[in-house]
Protein backbone atom coordinates (compact mmCIF):
# COMPACT_ATOMS: atom_id res chain seq x y z
CA MET A 1 -75.61 156.96 -0.70
CA GLY A 2 -72.78 154.46 -0.61
CA TRP A 3 -73.01 151.51 1.74
CA GLY A 4 -69.34 150.56 1.85
CA ALA A 5 -69.95 146.91 1.11
CA GLY A 6 -69.71 147.21 -2.63
CA ALA A 7 -73.13 148.64 -3.49
CA GLY A 8 -75.77 151.27 -2.80
CA MET A 9 -79.44 151.23 -1.96
CA ALA A 10 -82.05 152.25 -4.47
CA GLY A 11 -84.27 155.01 -3.17
CA ALA A 12 -82.16 155.86 -0.15
CA ALA A 13 -82.85 159.52 -0.57
CA ALA A 14 -86.58 158.88 -0.42
CA GLY A 15 -86.11 156.87 2.75
CA SER A 16 -84.18 159.69 4.36
CA ALA A 17 -86.72 162.29 3.40
CA GLY A 18 -89.47 160.29 5.04
CA ALA A 19 -87.63 159.85 8.31
CA GLY A 20 -89.44 161.31 11.29
CA THR A 21 -88.39 162.18 14.76
CA ALA A 22 -90.09 159.22 16.44
CA SER A 23 -87.43 156.54 16.53
CA THR A 24 -88.03 152.96 15.50
CA ALA A 25 -84.78 151.92 17.07
CA SER A 26 -84.04 150.00 20.20
CA GLY A 27 -80.81 148.88 21.90
CA GLY A 28 -79.66 149.69 19.59
CA GLY A 29 -82.50 152.06 19.93
CA ALA A 30 -85.86 153.31 20.92
CA GLY A 31 -89.10 151.59 21.62
CA TRP A 32 -90.19 151.05 25.17
CA ALA A 33 -93.72 152.15 24.35
CA GLY A 34 -95.96 149.23 23.50
CA ALA A 35 -93.81 146.59 25.16
CA ALA A 36 -96.25 144.07 26.54
CA GLY A 37 -95.80 143.57 30.27
CA GLY A 38 -92.36 145.17 30.29
CA GLY A 39 -93.09 148.50 31.96
CA ASP A 40 -91.35 147.77 35.26
CA PHE A 41 -88.24 146.44 33.55
CA PHE A 42 -87.97 149.44 31.25
CA LEU A 43 -88.51 151.87 34.12
CA LYS A 44 -85.73 150.23 36.10
CA LYS A 45 -83.49 150.27 33.07
CA ARG A 46 -84.04 153.98 32.54
CA LEU A 47 -83.45 154.81 36.20
CA ASN A 48 -80.25 152.76 36.18
CA MET A 49 -78.86 154.74 33.26
CA GLY A 50 -77.60 157.28 35.80
CA ASN A 51 -75.34 159.69 33.92
CA LYS A 52 -76.92 158.62 30.64
CA TYR A 53 -73.88 157.08 29.10
CA ILE A 54 -72.62 153.58 28.58
CA ARG A 55 -69.18 152.33 27.58
CA ILE A 56 -67.76 150.22 24.80
CA VAL A 57 -66.66 147.01 26.50
CA GLY A 58 -63.95 145.66 24.19
CA GLY A 59 -61.62 146.27 21.26
CA GLN A 60 -59.71 149.36 20.19
CA TYR A 61 -62.34 151.77 21.54
CA ARG A 62 -62.71 149.95 24.86
CA ARG A 63 -63.97 152.13 27.72
CA THR A 64 -65.01 154.91 25.35
CA PRO A 65 -68.22 156.44 26.72
CA ILE A 66 -71.29 156.48 24.49
CA VAL A 67 -73.60 159.32 25.40
CA VAL A 68 -77.21 158.17 25.44
CA PRO A 69 -79.28 160.97 23.86
CA ASP A 70 -82.25 162.35 25.76
CA VAL A 71 -84.70 160.40 23.63
CA GLU A 72 -87.38 159.04 25.93
CA THR A 73 -87.56 155.58 24.43
CA LEU A 74 -83.88 154.71 24.05
CA ARG A 75 -83.00 151.25 25.38
CA PRO A 76 -79.25 150.58 25.04
CA THR A 77 -78.07 146.97 25.10
CA PRO A 78 -76.41 146.30 28.50
CA ASP A 79 -72.65 145.81 28.80
CA ARG A 80 -72.95 142.16 29.84
CA VAL A 81 -75.15 141.29 26.90
CA ARG A 82 -72.79 142.95 24.42
CA GLU A 83 -69.82 141.19 25.96
CA THR A 84 -71.60 137.84 25.65
CA LEU A 85 -72.57 138.51 22.03
CA PHE A 86 -69.03 139.36 20.99
CA ASN A 87 -67.64 136.36 22.84
CA TRP A 88 -70.00 134.25 20.73
CA LEU A 89 -68.85 135.99 17.56
CA THR A 90 -65.18 135.64 18.48
CA HIS A 91 -65.69 131.89 18.84
CA LEU A 92 -67.73 131.46 15.66
CA TRP A 93 -65.47 133.65 13.52
CA GLY A 94 -62.24 132.36 15.00
CA GLY A 95 -61.39 135.88 16.18
CA GLU A 96 -61.37 137.17 12.60
CA PHE A 97 -63.37 140.39 12.37
CA ALA A 98 -61.36 142.33 9.80
CA ASP A 99 -63.23 141.02 6.73
CA LYS A 100 -66.74 141.26 8.22
CA THR A 101 -69.51 143.70 7.33
CA VAL A 102 -72.29 144.61 9.75
CA LEU A 103 -75.76 146.15 9.37
CA ASP A 104 -77.31 147.67 12.50
CA LEU A 105 -80.94 148.31 11.52
CA PHE A 106 -82.03 149.88 14.82
CA ALA A 107 -78.89 151.71 15.87
CA GLY A 108 -80.28 153.97 18.61
CA SER A 109 -77.41 154.72 20.99
CA GLY A 110 -75.02 152.83 18.70
CA ALA A 111 -74.00 150.44 21.47
CA LEU A 112 -73.97 147.38 19.22
CA GLY A 113 -72.60 149.02 16.08
CA PHE A 114 -69.75 150.82 17.84
CA GLU A 115 -68.88 147.59 19.65
CA ALA A 116 -68.57 145.88 16.26
CA ALA A 117 -66.39 148.70 14.93
CA SER A 118 -64.23 148.51 18.04
CA ARG A 119 -63.58 144.83 17.36
CA GLY A 120 -62.19 145.71 13.94
CA VAL A 121 -64.88 144.87 11.39
CA ALA A 122 -64.44 146.24 7.88
CA HIS A 123 -67.72 148.13 7.70
CA VAL A 124 -70.70 149.02 9.90
CA GLN A 125 -73.85 150.46 8.36
CA MET A 126 -76.04 152.04 11.05
CA VAL A 127 -79.69 152.89 10.42
CA GLU A 128 -81.56 155.16 12.84
CA ARG A 129 -84.82 157.00 12.33
CA ASP A 130 -84.56 159.51 15.18
CA ARG A 131 -82.56 162.52 14.03
CA ALA A 132 -81.28 163.44 17.50
CA ALA A 133 -79.99 159.92 18.03
CA ALA A 134 -78.43 159.87 14.54
CA SER A 135 -76.68 163.17 15.27
CA ALA A 136 -75.18 161.68 18.45
CA LEU A 137 -74.00 158.68 16.42
CA ARG A 138 -72.23 160.94 13.93
CA THR A 139 -70.62 162.97 16.71
CA LEU A 140 -69.06 159.88 18.30
CA ARG A 141 -68.13 158.37 14.93
CA ASP A 142 -66.27 161.54 14.01
CA LYS A 143 -64.62 161.81 17.44
CA LEU A 144 -63.29 158.27 17.12
CA LYS A 145 -62.37 158.79 13.45
CA ALA A 146 -64.19 155.50 12.87
CA ASP A 147 -64.29 155.71 9.09
CA MET A 148 -65.66 152.18 8.80
CA ILE A 149 -69.01 153.42 10.13
CA ARG A 150 -71.70 154.95 7.94
CA ILE A 151 -74.96 156.33 9.31
CA HIS A 152 -78.27 156.53 7.47
CA VAL A 153 -81.28 158.40 8.82
CA GLY A 154 -84.30 156.39 7.77
CA ASP A 155 -86.73 153.56 8.39
CA ALA A 156 -85.42 150.03 8.94
CA MET A 157 -88.02 148.39 6.69
CA GLN A 158 -87.35 150.80 3.82
CA VAL A 159 -83.62 150.18 4.09
CA ALA A 160 -84.05 146.40 4.11
CA GLU A 161 -86.46 146.54 1.17
CA ARG A 162 -84.36 148.90 -0.97
CA MET A 163 -80.92 147.42 -0.41
CA ASP A 164 -79.19 146.62 -3.69
CA ALA A 165 -76.22 144.26 -3.95
CA SER A 166 -74.82 144.80 -0.44
CA ARG A 167 -74.49 141.65 1.65
CA PHE A 168 -73.71 141.56 5.36
CA ASP A 169 -72.00 138.98 7.55
CA LEU A 170 -73.94 140.15 10.60
CA ILE A 171 -77.28 141.92 10.94
CA LEU A 172 -78.14 143.41 14.33
CA LEU A 173 -81.85 143.55 15.19
CA ASP A 174 -82.91 145.22 18.42
CA PRO A 175 -86.30 146.66 17.44
CA PRO A 176 -88.95 148.24 19.67
CA PHE A 177 -90.78 145.57 21.59
CA GLY A 178 -94.42 144.79 20.94
CA GLN A 179 -94.58 146.32 17.46
CA GLY A 180 -94.30 143.23 15.26
CA TRP A 181 -91.01 144.12 13.58
CA LEU A 182 -89.49 140.65 13.38
CA PRO A 183 -92.19 138.90 11.28
CA ARG A 184 -91.96 141.73 8.75
CA LEU A 185 -88.17 141.67 8.58
CA TRP A 186 -87.47 137.93 8.43
CA PRO A 187 -88.45 137.51 4.74
CA LEU A 188 -86.12 140.34 3.72
CA LEU A 189 -82.98 139.17 5.51
CA PRO A 190 -81.86 136.32 3.19
CA GLY A 191 -81.51 138.85 0.38
CA ILE A 192 -79.05 141.02 2.33
CA LEU A 193 -77.06 138.35 4.19
CA THR A 194 -73.92 136.60 3.03
CA GLU A 195 -74.06 132.81 2.80
CA ARG A 196 -74.12 131.58 6.40
CA GLY A 197 -74.50 135.15 7.60
CA LEU A 198 -75.51 135.75 11.22
CA VAL A 199 -78.44 137.64 12.75
CA TYR A 200 -78.46 138.94 16.32
CA VAL A 201 -81.94 139.50 17.77
CA GLU A 202 -83.21 140.99 21.02
CA ALA A 203 -86.86 140.37 21.89
CA GLU A 204 -89.28 140.44 24.80
CA THR A 205 -89.80 136.68 24.55
CA SER A 206 -87.75 133.74 23.34
CA ILE A 207 -88.11 133.43 19.57
CA GLU A 208 -88.30 130.45 17.24
CA ALA A 209 -86.03 130.36 14.19
CA PRO A 210 -87.89 131.21 10.98
CA GLU A 211 -87.51 129.00 7.93
CA GLY A 212 -83.97 129.09 6.59
CA PHE A 213 -82.39 130.04 9.92
CA THR A 214 -80.90 128.12 12.84
CA ILE A 215 -80.50 129.44 16.38
CA LEU A 216 -76.86 128.99 17.39
CA ARG A 217 -76.90 130.69 20.79
CA GLN A 218 -79.47 132.28 23.07
CA ASP A 219 -79.68 133.67 26.58
CA LYS A 220 -81.70 136.00 28.78
CA ALA A 221 -80.83 139.12 30.78
CA GLY A 222 -83.63 140.53 32.90
CA ALA A 223 -86.70 140.71 30.66
CA VAL A 224 -84.67 140.66 27.44
CA HIS A 225 -84.14 137.48 25.42
CA TYR A 226 -81.21 137.62 23.04
CA HIS A 227 -80.35 135.22 20.24
CA LEU A 228 -77.75 134.60 17.56
CA LEU A 229 -79.01 132.89 14.41
CA GLU A 230 -77.31 131.59 11.30
CA PHE A 231 -78.75 131.88 7.81
CA ALA A 232 -78.81 128.17 7.04
CA ALA A 233 -80.69 127.91 3.75
CA LEU A 234 -77.50 127.21 1.78
CA ARG A 235 -75.78 125.28 4.52
CA LYS A 236 -74.13 122.08 3.32
């Protein structure tokens, strides 16, 4: 399959074939189960979902509703957190989104990826393991005629491991809490980031920057800690 950033991913077909119905995504996507000490927060978050849709908060698709599929573990990133993230990006990128490429490894509801597309990025690659969630992503993508978005049904680790020459300016990581995703993913990210690329991370606790990365911004909303890091290994 093509990835829209100048290259493909070896073995993508194998990754798709192995995709199951239990999502690995978080807010982005799914993954309340296994979150240490977060049961009350997640219950409140689910009850507050109300009509089970959220809205894009900025850009050309502003106010467009995103239907949250009836997947038990979906945990969409809240409006305020997305607004804060994209304010950070606007500042760091000088408001220039048109030449940026984005990889959303735990797409889930698509809240983060569609927000990036709405701000005018050149390309968004969404990865989502749950087929029902991926179908909802395609439905909204087609409704918006958002041709800059591509959607891959598969496992985040397999995608990160099998990526060929594609490089991304921003990688969005909102994995299921309590499942040890971040330590496994960190070593793979330098190979798929542009020089001084950025990584957005949501986690159940405040994180420390791994080797080669610097935390530029961080904040907390409820029980969720969110961070923006820069790939700093080649920084002058």
